[in-house]
Amino acid sequence: FTIERLSADTPYGPLTAPQAARIRRVLFLVVDAGRGPSGDWVQSPQ
């Protein structure tokens, strides 16, 4: 989506002009399903 916006040649792309004129609220939800750090090897010098 970042590329679609950066490559757009209009102020409203990738939306159409009517969409951009009528829209009021936009929600972007980014879901981070990655796992945090794991393992016990930081508990010793080995």
ModelCIF file with pLDDT and N, C-alpha, C, O atoms, coordinates in Angstrom:
data_MODEL
#
_entry.id   MODEL 
#
_entity.id                         1 
_entity.type                       polymer 
_entity.pdbx_number_of_molecules   1 
#
_entity_poly.entity_id                      1 
_entity_poly.type                           'polypeptide(L)' 
_entity_poly.nstd_linkage                   no 
_entity_poly.nstd_monomer                   no 
_entity_poly.pdbx_seq_one_letter_code       FTIERLSADTPYGPLTAPQAARIRRVLFLVVDAGRGPSGDWVQSPQ 
_entity_poly.pdbx_seq_one_letter_code_can   FTIERLSADTPYGPLTAPQAARIRRVLFLVVDAGRGPSGDWVQSPQ 
_entity_poly.pdbx_strand_id                 A 
#
loop_
_entity_poly_seq.entity_id 
_entity_poly_seq.num 
_entity_poly_seq.mon_id 
_entity_poly_seq.hetero 
1 1  PHE n 
1 2  THR n 
1 3  ILE n 
1 4  GLU n 
1 5  ARG n 
1 6  LEU n 
1 7  SER n 
1 8  ALA n 
1 9  ASP n 
1 10 THR n 
1 11 PRO n 
1 12 TYR n 
1 13 GLY n 
1 14 PRO n 
1 15 LEU n 
1 16 THR n 
1 17 ALA n 
1 18 PRO n 
1 19 GLN n 
1 20 ALA n 
1 21 ALA n 
1 22 ARG n 
1 23 ILE n 
1 24 ARG n 
1 25 ARG n 
1 26 VAL n 
1 27 LEU n 
1 28 PHE n 
1 29 LEU n 
1 30 VAL n 
1 31 VAL n 
1 32 ASP n 
1 33 ALA n 
1 34 GLY n 
1 35 ARG n 
1 36 GLY n 
1 37 PRO n 
1 38 SER n 
1 39 GLY n 
1 40 ASP n 
1 41 TRP n 
1 42 VAL n 
1 43 GLN n 
1 44 SER n 
1 45 PRO n 
1 46 GLN n 
#
_struct_asym.id          A 
_struct_asym.entity_id   1 
#
loop_
_ma_qa_metric.id 
_ma_qa_metric.mode 
_ma_qa_metric.name 
_ma_qa_metric.software_group_id 
_ma_qa_metric.type 
1 global pLDDT . pLDDT 
2 local  pLDDT . pLDDT 
#
_ma_qa_metric_global.metric_id      1 
_ma_qa_metric_global.metric_value   86.54 
_ma_qa_metric_global.model_id       1 
_ma_qa_metric_global.ordinal_id     1 
#
loop_
_ma_qa_metric_local.label_asym_id 
_ma_qa_metric_local.label_comp_id 
_ma_qa_metric_local.label_seq_id 
_ma_qa_metric_local.metric_id 
_ma_qa_metric_local.metric_value 
_ma_qa_metric_local.model_id 
_ma_qa_metric_local.ordinal_id 
A PHE 1  2 92.00 1 1  
A THR 2  2 92.00 1 2  
A ILE 3  2 92.00 1 3  
A GLU 4  2 92.00 1 4  
A ARG 5  2 94.00 1 5  
A LEU 6  2 93.00 1 6  
A SER 7  2 93.00 1 7  
A ALA 8  2 94.00 1 8  
A ASP 9  2 91.00 1 9  
A THR 10 2 95.00 1 10 
A PRO 11 2 96.00 1 11 
A TYR 12 2 96.00 1 12 
A GLY 13 2 94.00 1 13 
A PRO 14 2 92.00 1 14 
A LEU 15 2 92.00 1 15 
A THR 16 2 93.00 1 16 
A ALA 17 2 96.00 1 17 
A PRO 18 2 95.00 1 18 
A GLN 19 2 93.00 1 19 
A ALA 20 2 96.00 1 20 
A ALA 21 2 96.00 1 21 
A ARG 22 2 94.00 1 22 
A ILE 23 2 94.00 1 23 
A ARG 24 2 95.00 1 24 
A ARG 25 2 95.00 1 25 
A VAL 26 2 95.00 1 26 
A LEU 27 2 96.00 1 27 
A PHE 28 2 96.00 1 28 
A LEU 29 2 94.00 1 29 
A VAL 30 2 93.00 1 30 
A VAL 31 2 91.00 1 31 
A ASP 32 2 87.00 1 32 
A ALA 33 2 81.00 1 33 
A GLY 34 2 72.00 1 34 
A ARG 35 2 68.00 1 35 
A GLY 36 2 66.00 1 36 
A PRO 37 2 67.00 1 37 
A SER 38 2 65.00 1 38 
A GLY 39 2 67.00 1 39 
A ASP 40 2 69.00 1 40 
A TRP 41 2 63.00 1 41 
A VAL 42 2 70.00 1 42 
A GLN 43 2 74.00 1 43 
A SER 44 2 75.00 1 44 
A PRO 45 2 79.00 1 45 
A GLN 46 2 68.00 1 46 
#
loop_
_atom_site.group_PDB 
_atom_site.id 
_atom_site.type_symbol 
_atom_site.label_atom_id 
_atom_site.label_alt_id 
_atom_site.label_comp_id 
_atom_site.label_asym_id 
_atom_site.label_entity_id 
_atom_site.label_seq_id 
_atom_site.pdbx_PDB_ins_code 
_atom_site.Cartn_x 
_atom_site.Cartn_y 
_atom_site.Cartn_z 
_atom_site.occupancy 
_atom_site.B_iso_or_equiv 
_atom_site.pdbx_formal_charge 
_atom_site.auth_seq_id 
_atom_site.auth_comp_id 
_atom_site.auth_asym_id 
_atom_site.auth_atom_id 
_atom_site.pdbx_PDB_model_num 
ATOM 1   N N  . PHE A 1 1  ? 0.827   -1.205  0.000   1.00 92.00 ? 1  PHE A N  1 
ATOM 2   C CA . PHE A 1 1  ? 0.000   0.000   0.000   1.00 92.00 ? 1  PHE A CA 1 
ATOM 3   C C  . PHE A 1 1  ? 0.862   1.258   0.000   1.00 92.00 ? 1  PHE A C  1 
ATOM 4   O O  . PHE A 1 1  ? 0.515   2.254   -0.634  1.00 92.00 ? 1  PHE A O  1 
ATOM 5   N N  . THR A 1 2  ? 1.983   1.209   0.710   1.00 92.00 ? 2  THR A N  1 
ATOM 6   C CA . THR A 1 2  ? 2.892   2.360   0.704   1.00 92.00 ? 2  THR A CA 1 
ATOM 7   C C  . THR A 1 2  ? 3.352   2.667   -0.712  1.00 92.00 ? 2  THR A C  1 
ATOM 8   O O  . THR A 1 2  ? 3.394   3.829   -1.115  1.00 92.00 ? 2  THR A O  1 
ATOM 9   N N  . ILE A 1 3  ? 3.698   1.630   -1.468  1.00 92.00 ? 3  ILE A N  1 
ATOM 10  C CA . ILE A 1 3  ? 4.136   1.817   -2.855  1.00 92.00 ? 3  ILE A CA 1 
ATOM 11  C C  . ILE A 1 3  ? 3.007   2.376   -3.711  1.00 92.00 ? 3  ILE A C  1 
ATOM 12  O O  . ILE A 1 3  ? 3.237   3.260   -4.535  1.00 92.00 ? 3  ILE A O  1 
ATOM 13  N N  . GLU A 1 4  ? 1.786   1.868   -3.524  1.00 92.00 ? 4  GLU A N  1 
ATOM 14  C CA . GLU A 1 4  ? 0.653   2.376   -4.300  1.00 92.00 ? 4  GLU A CA 1 
ATOM 15  C C  . GLU A 1 4  ? 0.465   3.864   -4.062  1.00 92.00 ? 4  GLU A C  1 
ATOM 16  O O  . GLU A 1 4  ? 0.155   4.616   -4.986  1.00 92.00 ? 4  GLU A O  1 
ATOM 17  N N  . ARG A 1 5  ? 0.653   4.284   -2.825  1.00 94.00 ? 5  ARG A N  1 
ATOM 18  C CA . ARG A 1 5  ? 0.505   5.711   -2.539  1.00 94.00 ? 5  ARG A CA 1 
ATOM 19  C C  . ARG A 1 5  ? 1.688   6.515   -3.089  1.00 94.00 ? 5  ARG A C  1 
ATOM 20  O O  . ARG A 1 5  ? 1.484   7.551   -3.721  1.00 94.00 ? 5  ARG A O  1 
ATOM 21  N N  . LEU A 1 6  ? 2.902   6.057   -2.861  1.00 93.00 ? 6  LEU A N  1 
ATOM 22  C CA . LEU A 1 6  ? 4.076   6.805   -3.315  1.00 93.00 ? 6  LEU A CA 1 
ATOM 23  C C  . LEU A 1 6  ? 4.150   6.911   -4.835  1.00 93.00 ? 6  LEU A C  1 
ATOM 24  O O  . LEU A 1 6  ? 4.686   7.884   -5.365  1.00 93.00 ? 6  LEU A O  1 
ATOM 25  N N  . SER A 1 7  ? 3.611   5.910   -5.540  1.00 93.00 ? 7  SER A N  1 
ATOM 26  C CA . SER A 1 7  ? 3.682   5.926   -7.004  1.00 93.00 ? 7  SER A CA 1 
ATOM 27  C C  . SER A 1 7  ? 2.485   6.607   -7.652  1.00 93.00 ? 7  SER A C  1 
ATOM 28  O O  . SER A 1 7  ? 2.448   6.762   -8.872  1.00 93.00 ? 7  SER A O  1 
ATOM 29  N N  . ALA A 1 8  ? 1.510   7.012   -6.850  1.00 94.00 ? 8  ALA A N  1 
ATOM 30  C CA . ALA A 1 8  ? 0.310   7.654   -7.406  1.00 94.00 ? 8  ALA A CA 1 
ATOM 31  C C  . ALA A 1 8  ? 0.656   9.019   -7.978  1.00 94.00 ? 8  ALA A C  1 
ATOM 32  O O  . ALA A 1 8  ? 1.490   9.740   -7.431  1.00 94.00 ? 8  ALA A O  1 
ATOM 33  N N  . ASP A 1 9  ? 0.004   9.369   -9.090  1.00 91.00 ? 9  ASP A N  1 
ATOM 34  C CA . ASP A 1 9  ? 0.271   10.669  -9.716  1.00 91.00 ? 9  ASP A CA 1 
ATOM 35  C C  . ASP A 1 9  ? -0.819  11.692  -9.414  1.00 91.00 ? 9  ASP A C  1 
ATOM 36  O O  . ASP A 1 9  ? -0.906  12.722  -10.082 1.00 91.00 ? 9  ASP A O  1 
ATOM 37  N N  . THR A 1 10 ? -1.649  11.413  -8.412  1.00 95.00 ? 10 THR A N  1 
ATOM 38  C CA . THR A 1 10 ? -2.686  12.344  -7.967  1.00 95.00 ? 10 THR A CA 1 
ATOM 39  C C  . THR A 1 10 ? -2.619  12.461  -6.450  1.00 95.00 ? 10 THR A C  1 
ATOM 40  O O  . THR A 1 10 ? -2.047  11.592  -5.792  1.00 95.00 ? 10 THR A O  1 
ATOM 41  N N  . PRO A 1 11 ? -3.193  13.521  -5.885  1.00 96.00 ? 11 PRO A N  1 
ATOM 42  C CA . PRO A 1 11 ? -3.184  13.648  -4.422  1.00 96.00 ? 11 PRO A CA 1 
ATOM 43  C C  . PRO A 1 11 ? -4.037  12.591  -3.733  1.00 96.00 ? 11 PRO A C  1 
ATOM 44  O O  . PRO A 1 11 ? -3.862  12.334  -2.542  1.00 96.00 ? 11 PRO A O  1 
ATOM 45  N N  . TYR A 1 12 ? -4.967  11.971  -4.479  1.00 96.00 ? 12 TYR A N  1 
ATOM 46  C CA . TYR A 1 12 ? -5.900  11.042  -3.852  1.00 96.00 ? 12 TYR A CA 1 
ATOM 47  C C  . TYR A 1 12 ? -5.603  9.565   -4.134  1.00 96.00 ? 12 TYR A C  1 
ATOM 48  O O  . TYR A 1 12 ? -6.157  8.701   -3.454  1.00 96.00 ? 12 TYR A O  1 
ATOM 49  N N  . GLY A 1 13 ? -4.752  9.248   -5.109  1.00 94.00 ? 13 GLY A N  1 
ATOM 50  C CA . GLY A 1 13 ? -4.472  7.854   -5.427  1.00 94.00 ? 13 GLY A CA 1 
ATOM 51  C C  . GLY A 1 13 ? -3.867  7.117   -4.243  1.00 94.00 ? 13 GLY A C  1 
ATOM 52  O O  . GLY A 1 13 ? -3.094  7.708   -3.489  1.00 94.00 ? 13 GLY A O  1 
ATOM 53  N N  . PRO A 1 14 ? -4.202  5.818   -4.055  1.00 92.00 ? 14 PRO A N  1 
ATOM 54  C CA . PRO A 1 14 ? -4.881  4.912   -4.979  1.00 92.00 ? 14 PRO A CA 1 
ATOM 55  C C  . PRO A 1 14 ? -6.405  4.944   -4.918  1.00 92.00 ? 14 PRO A C  1 
ATOM 56  O O  . PRO A 1 14 ? -7.054  4.113   -5.554  1.00 92.00 ? 14 PRO A O  1 
ATOM 57  N N  . LEU A 1 15 ? -6.994  5.874   -4.174  1.00 92.00 ? 15 LEU A N  1 
ATOM 58  C CA . LEU A 1 15 ? -8.443  6.028   -4.207  1.00 92.00 ? 15 LEU A CA 1 
ATOM 59  C C  . LEU A 1 15 ? -8.859  6.727   -5.495  1.00 92.00 ? 15 LEU A C  1 
ATOM 60  O O  . LEU A 1 15 ? -8.039  7.370   -6.151  1.00 92.00 ? 15 LEU A O  1 
ATOM 61  N N  . THR A 1 16 ? -10.133 6.600   -5.856  1.00 93.00 ? 16 THR A N  1 
ATOM 62  C CA . THR A 1 16 ? -10.674 7.407   -6.944  1.00 93.00 ? 16 THR A CA 1 
ATOM 63  C C  . THR A 1 16 ? -11.012 8.788   -6.382  1.00 93.00 ? 16 THR A C  1 
ATOM 64  O O  . THR A 1 16 ? -11.109 8.966   -5.168  1.00 93.00 ? 16 THR A O  1 
ATOM 65  N N  . ALA A 1 17 ? -11.188 9.754   -7.270  1.00 96.00 ? 17 ALA A N  1 
ATOM 66  C CA . ALA A 1 17 ? -11.508 11.108  -6.818  1.00 96.00 ? 17 ALA A CA 1 
ATOM 67  C C  . ALA A 1 17 ? -12.824 11.155  -6.025  1.00 96.00 ? 17 ALA A C  1 
ATOM 68  O O  . ALA A 1 17 ? -12.862 11.771  -4.960  1.00 96.00 ? 17 ALA A O  1 
ATOM 69  N N  . PRO A 1 18 ? -13.903 10.521  -6.514  1.00 95.00 ? 18 PRO A N  1 
ATOM 70  C CA . PRO A 1 18 ? -15.145 10.544  -5.709  1.00 95.00 ? 18 PRO A CA 1 
ATOM 71  C C  . PRO A 1 18 ? -14.979 9.896   -4.341  1.00 95.00 ? 18 PRO A C  1 
ATOM 72  O O  . PRO A 1 18 ? -15.513 10.398  -3.352  1.00 95.00 ? 18 PRO A O  1 
ATOM 73  N N  . GLN A 1 19 ? -14.237 8.775   -4.270  1.00 93.00 ? 19 GLN A N  1 
ATOM 74  C CA . GLN A 1 19 ? -13.988 8.136   -2.980  1.00 93.00 ? 19 GLN A CA 1 
ATOM 75  C C  . GLN A 1 19 ? -13.261 9.089   -2.035  1.00 93.00 ? 19 GLN A C  1 
ATOM 76  O O  . GLN A 1 19 ? -13.640 9.236   -0.873  1.00 93.00 ? 19 GLN A O  1 
ATOM 77  N N  . ALA A 1 20 ? -12.217 9.731   -2.543  1.00 96.00 ? 20 ALA A N  1 
ATOM 78  C CA . ALA A 1 20 ? -11.401 10.621  -1.722  1.00 96.00 ? 20 ALA A CA 1 
ATOM 79  C C  . ALA A 1 20 ? -12.188 11.832  -1.246  1.00 96.00 ? 20 ALA A C  1 
ATOM 80  O O  . ALA A 1 20 ? -11.926 12.358  -0.164  1.00 96.00 ? 20 ALA A O  1 
ATOM 81  N N  . ALA A 1 21 ? -13.148 12.275  -2.047  1.00 96.00 ? 21 ALA A N  1 
ATOM 82  C CA . ALA A 1 21 ? -13.949 13.434  -1.662  1.00 96.00 ? 21 ALA A CA 1 
ATOM 83  C C  . ALA A 1 21 ? -14.970 13.084  -0.579  1.00 96.00 ? 21 ALA A C  1 
ATOM 84  O O  . ALA A 1 21 ? -15.248 13.896  0.303   1.00 96.00 ? 21 ALA A O  1 
ATOM 85  N N  . ARG A 1 22 ? -15.523 11.882  -0.649  1.00 94.00 ? 22 ARG A N  1 
ATOM 86  C CA . ARG A 1 22 ? -16.610 11.518  0.264   1.00 94.00 ? 22 ARG A CA 1 
ATOM 87  C C  . ARG A 1 22 ? -16.133 10.871  1.566   1.00 94.00 ? 22 ARG A C  1 
ATOM 88  O O  . ARG A 1 22 ? -16.851 10.890  2.565   1.00 94.00 ? 22 ARG A O  1 
ATOM 89  N N  . ILE A 1 23 ? -14.952 10.311  1.558   1.00 94.00 ? 23 ILE A N  1 
ATOM 90  C CA . ILE A 1 23 ? -14.490 9.554   2.724   1.00 94.00 ? 23 ILE A CA 1 
ATOM 91  C C  . ILE A 1 23 ? -14.274 10.482  3.920   1.00 94.00 ? 23 ILE A C  1 
ATOM 92  O O  . ILE A 1 23 ? -13.865 11.634  3.772   1.00 94.00 ? 23 ILE A O  1 
ATOM 93  N N  . ARG A 1 24 ? -14.566 9.935   5.135   1.00 95.00 ? 24 ARG A N  1 
ATOM 94  C CA . ARG A 1 24 ? -14.406 10.731  6.351   1.00 95.00 ? 24 ARG A CA 1 
ATOM 95  C C  . ARG A 1 24 ? -13.449 10.086  7.361   1.00 95.00 ? 24 ARG A C  1 
ATOM 96  O O  . ARG A 1 24 ? -12.660 10.772  8.010   1.00 95.00 ? 24 ARG A O  1 
ATOM 97  N N  . ARG A 1 25 ? -13.531 8.777   7.479   1.00 95.00 ? 25 ARG A N  1 
ATOM 98  C CA . ARG A 1 25 ? -12.693 8.087   8.452   1.00 95.00 ? 25 ARG A CA 1 
ATOM 99  C C  . ARG A 1 25 ? -12.018 6.890   7.786   1.00 95.00 ? 25 ARG A C  1 
ATOM 100 O O  . ARG A 1 25 ? -12.655 6.134   7.052   1.00 95.00 ? 25 ARG A O  1 
ATOM 101 N N  . VAL A 1 26 ? -10.730 6.728   8.049   1.00 95.00 ? 26 VAL A N  1 
ATOM 102 C CA . VAL A 1 26 ? -9.966  5.624   7.478   1.00 95.00 ? 26 VAL A CA 1 
ATOM 103 C C  . VAL A 1 26 ? -9.211  4.924   8.609   1.00 95.00 ? 26 VAL A C  1 
ATOM 104 O O  . VAL A 1 26 ? -8.499  5.562   9.384   1.00 95.00 ? 26 VAL A O  1 
ATOM 105 N N  . LEU A 1 27 ? -9.381  3.599   8.689   1.00 96.00 ? 27 LEU A N  1 
ATOM 106 C CA . LEU A 1 27 ? -8.692  2.822   9.716   1.00 96.00 ? 27 LEU A CA 1 
ATOM 107 C C  . LEU A 1 27 ? -7.711  1.857   9.067   1.00 96.00 ? 27 LEU A C  1 
ATOM 108 O O  . LEU A 1 27 ? -8.086  1.071   8.197   1.00 96.00 ? 27 LEU A O  1 
ATOM 109 N N  . PHE A 1 28 ? -6.466  1.920   9.488   1.00 96.00 ? 28 PHE A N  1 
ATOM 110 C CA . PHE A 1 28 ? -5.443  0.954   9.084   1.00 96.00 ? 28 PHE A CA 1 
ATOM 111 C C  . PHE A 1 28 ? -5.070  0.143   10.324  1.00 96.00 ? 28 PHE A C  1 
ATOM 112 O O  . PHE A 1 28 ? -4.559  0.690   11.301  1.00 96.00 ? 28 PHE A O  1 
ATOM 113 N N  . LEU A 1 29 ? -5.325  -1.154  10.279  1.00 94.00 ? 29 LEU A N  1 
ATOM 114 C CA . LEU A 1 29 ? -4.967  -2.023  11.396  1.00 94.00 ? 29 LEU A CA 1 
ATOM 115 C C  . LEU A 1 29 ? -3.830  -2.943  10.973  1.00 94.00 ? 29 LEU A C  1 
ATOM 116 O O  . LEU A 1 29 ? -3.974  -3.720  10.028  1.00 94.00 ? 29 LEU A O  1 
ATOM 117 N N  . VAL A 1 30 ? -2.722  -2.860  11.656  1.00 93.00 ? 30 VAL A N  1 
ATOM 118 C CA . VAL A 1 30 ? -1.565  -3.686  11.367  1.00 93.00 ? 30 VAL A CA 1 
ATOM 119 C C  . VAL A 1 30 ? -1.501  -4.796  12.411  1.00 93.00 ? 30 VAL A C  1 
ATOM 120 O O  . VAL A 1 30 ? -1.375  -4.527  13.605  1.00 93.00 ? 30 VAL A O  1 
ATOM 121 N N  . VAL A 1 31 ? -1.588  -6.034  11.958  1.00 91.00 ? 31 VAL A N  1 
ATOM 122 C CA . VAL A 1 31 ? -1.584  -7.170  12.875  1.00 91.00 ? 31 VAL A CA 1 
ATOM 123 C C  . VAL A 1 31 ? -0.184  -7.763  12.932  1.00 91.00 ? 31 VAL A C  1 
ATOM 124 O O  . VAL A 1 31 ? 0.318   -8.293  11.940  1.00 91.00 ? 31 VAL A O  1 
ATOM 125 N N  . ASP A 1 32 ? 0.429   -7.670  14.080  1.00 87.00 ? 32 ASP A N  1 
ATOM 126 C CA . ASP A 1 32 ? 1.772   -8.217  14.292  1.00 87.00 ? 32 ASP A CA 1 
ATOM 127 C C  . ASP A 1 32 ? 1.626   -9.585  14.944  1.00 87.00 ? 32 ASP A C  1 
ATOM 128 O O  . ASP A 1 32 ? 1.456   -9.687  16.159  1.00 87.00 ? 32 ASP A O  1 
ATOM 129 N N  . ALA A 1 33 ? 1.693   -10.642 14.129  1.00 81.00 ? 33 ALA A N  1 
ATOM 130 C CA . ALA A 1 33 ? 1.556   -12.006 14.645  1.00 81.00 ? 33 ALA A CA 1 
ATOM 131 C C  . ALA A 1 33 ? 2.903   -12.656 14.920  1.00 81.00 ? 33 ALA A C  1 
ATOM 132 O O  . ALA A 1 33 ? 2.979   -13.868 15.125  1.00 81.00 ? 33 ALA A O  1 
ATOM 133 N N  . GLY A 1 34 ? 3.957   -11.865 14.925  1.00 72.00 ? 34 GLY A N  1 
ATOM 134 C CA . GLY A 1 34 ? 5.284   -12.405 15.181  1.00 72.00 ? 34 GLY A CA 1 
ATOM 135 C C  . GLY A 1 34 ? 5.463   -12.778 16.645  1.00 72.00 ? 34 GLY A C  1 
ATOM 136 O O  . GLY A 1 34 ? 4.733   -12.305 17.516  1.00 72.00 ? 34 GLY A O  1 
ATOM 137 N N  . ARG A 1 35 ? 6.439   -13.627 16.899  1.00 68.00 ? 35 ARG A N  1 
ATOM 138 C CA . ARG A 1 35 ? 6.737   -14.045 18.269  1.00 68.00 ? 35 ARG A CA 1 
ATOM 139 C C  . ARG A 1 35 ? 7.862   -13.207 18.848  1.00 68.00 ? 35 ARG A C  1 
ATOM 140 O O  . ARG A 1 35 ? 8.731   -12.727 18.121  1.00 68.00 ? 35 ARG A O  1 
ATOM 141 N N  . GLY A 1 36 ? 7.839   -13.034 20.159  1.00 66.00 ? 36 GLY A N  1 
ATOM 142 C CA . GLY A 1 36 ? 8.888   -12.294 20.841  1.00 66.00 ? 36 GLY A CA 1 
ATOM 143 C C  . GLY A 1 36 ? 10.145  -13.122 21.000  1.00 66.00 ? 36 GLY A C  1 
ATOM 144 O O  . GLY A 1 36 ? 10.189  -14.267 20.548  1.00 66.00 ? 36 GLY A O  1 
ATOM 145 N N  . PRO A 1 37 ? 11.182  -12.565 21.640  1.00 67.00 ? 37 PRO A N  1 
ATOM 146 C CA . PRO A 1 37 ? 12.438  -13.296 21.856  1.00 67.00 ? 37 PRO A CA 1 
ATOM 147 C C  . PRO A 1 37 ? 12.197  -14.578 22.653  1.00 67.00 ? 37 PRO A C  1 
ATOM 148 O O  . PRO A 1 37 ? 11.323  -14.627 23.519  1.00 67.00 ? 37 PRO A O  1 
ATOM 149 N N  . SER A 1 38 ? 12.983  -15.613 22.350  1.00 65.00 ? 38 SER A N  1 
ATOM 150 C CA . SER A 1 38 ? 12.840  -16.881 23.055  1.00 65.00 ? 38 SER A CA 1 
ATOM 151 C C  . SER A 1 38 ? 14.210  -17.506 23.249  1.00 65.00 ? 38 SER A C  1 
ATOM 152 O O  . SER A 1 38 ? 15.197  -17.068 22.657  1.00 65.00 ? 38 SER A O  1 
ATOM 153 N N  . GLY A 1 39 ? 14.260  -18.535 24.086  1.00 67.00 ? 39 GLY A N  1 
ATOM 154 C CA . GLY A 1 39 ? 15.525  -19.211 24.363  1.00 67.00 ? 39 GLY A CA 1 
ATOM 155 C C  . GLY A 1 39 ? 16.131  -18.731 25.667  1.00 67.00 ? 39 GLY A C  1 
ATOM 156 O O  . GLY A 1 39 ? 15.857  -17.617 26.113  1.00 67.00 ? 39 GLY A O  1 
ATOM 157 N N  . ASP A 1 40 ? 16.958  -19.574 26.284  1.00 69.00 ? 40 ASP A N  1 
ATOM 158 C CA . ASP A 1 40 ? 17.565  -19.223 27.566  1.00 69.00 ? 40 ASP A CA 1 
ATOM 159 C C  . ASP A 1 40 ? 19.063  -18.983 27.461  1.00 69.00 ? 40 ASP A C  1 
ATOM 160 O O  . ASP A 1 40 ? 19.754  -18.935 28.479  1.00 69.00 ? 40 ASP A O  1 
ATOM 161 N N  . TRP A 1 41 ? 19.583  -18.828 26.222  1.00 63.00 ? 41 TRP A N  1 
ATOM 162 C CA . TRP A 1 41 ? 21.019  -18.713 26.071  1.00 63.00 ? 41 TRP A CA 1 
ATOM 163 C C  . TRP A 1 41 ? 21.582  -17.364 26.514  1.00 63.00 ? 41 TRP A C  1 
ATOM 164 O O  . TRP A 1 41 ? 22.800  -17.196 26.566  1.00 63.00 ? 41 TRP A O  1 
ATOM 165 N N  . VAL A 1 42 ? 20.714  -16.401 26.834  1.00 70.00 ? 42 VAL A N  1 
ATOM 166 C CA . VAL A 1 42 ? 21.220  -15.127 27.359  1.00 70.00 ? 42 VAL A CA 1 
ATOM 167 C C  . VAL A 1 42 ? 21.475  -15.218 28.865  1.00 70.00 ? 42 VAL A C  1 
ATOM 168 O O  . VAL A 1 42 ? 21.987  -14.273 29.466  1.00 70.00 ? 42 VAL A O  1 
ATOM 169 N N  . GLN A 1 43 ? 21.118  -16.351 29.474  1.00 74.00 ? 43 GLN A N  1 
ATOM 170 C CA . GLN A 1 43 ? 21.272  -16.499 30.914  1.00 74.00 ? 43 GLN A CA 1 
ATOM 171 C C  . GLN A 1 43 ? 22.661  -16.983 31.318  1.00 74.00 ? 43 GLN A C  1 
ATOM 172 O O  . GLN A 1 43 ? 22.964  -17.076 32.507  1.00 74.00 ? 43 GLN A O  1 
ATOM 173 N N  . SER A 1 44 ? 23.506  -17.292 30.335  1.00 75.00 ? 44 SER A N  1 
ATOM 174 C CA . SER A 1 44 ? 24.850  -17.772 30.640  1.00 75.00 ? 44 SER A CA 1 
ATOM 175 C C  . SER A 1 44 ? 25.815  -17.252 29.584  1.00 75.00 ? 44 SER A C  1 
ATOM 176 O O  . SER A 1 44 ? 25.391  -16.853 28.500  1.00 75.00 ? 44 SER A O  1 
ATOM 177 N N  . PRO A 1 45 ? 27.122  -17.254 29.895  1.00 79.00 ? 45 PRO A N  1 
ATOM 178 C CA . PRO A 1 45 ? 28.095  -16.787 28.905  1.00 79.00 ? 45 PRO A CA 1 
ATOM 179 C C  . PRO A 1 45 ? 28.237  -17.734 27.725  1.00 79.00 ? 45 PRO A C  1 
ATOM 180 O O  . PRO A 1 45 ? 28.746  -17.329 26.679  1.00 79.00 ? 45 PRO A O  1 
ATOM 181 N N  . GLN A 1 46 ? 27.804  -18.985 27.861  1.00 68.00 ? 46 GLN A N  1 
ATOM 182 C CA . GLN A 1 46 ? 27.889  -19.938 26.756  1.00 68.00 ? 46 GLN A CA 1 
ATOM 183 C C  . GLN A 1 46 ? 26.705  -19.747 25.792  1.00 68.00 ? 46 GLN A C  1 
ATOM 184 O O  . GLN A 1 46 ? 26.600  -20.460 24.795  1.00 68.00 ? 46 GLN A O  1 
#
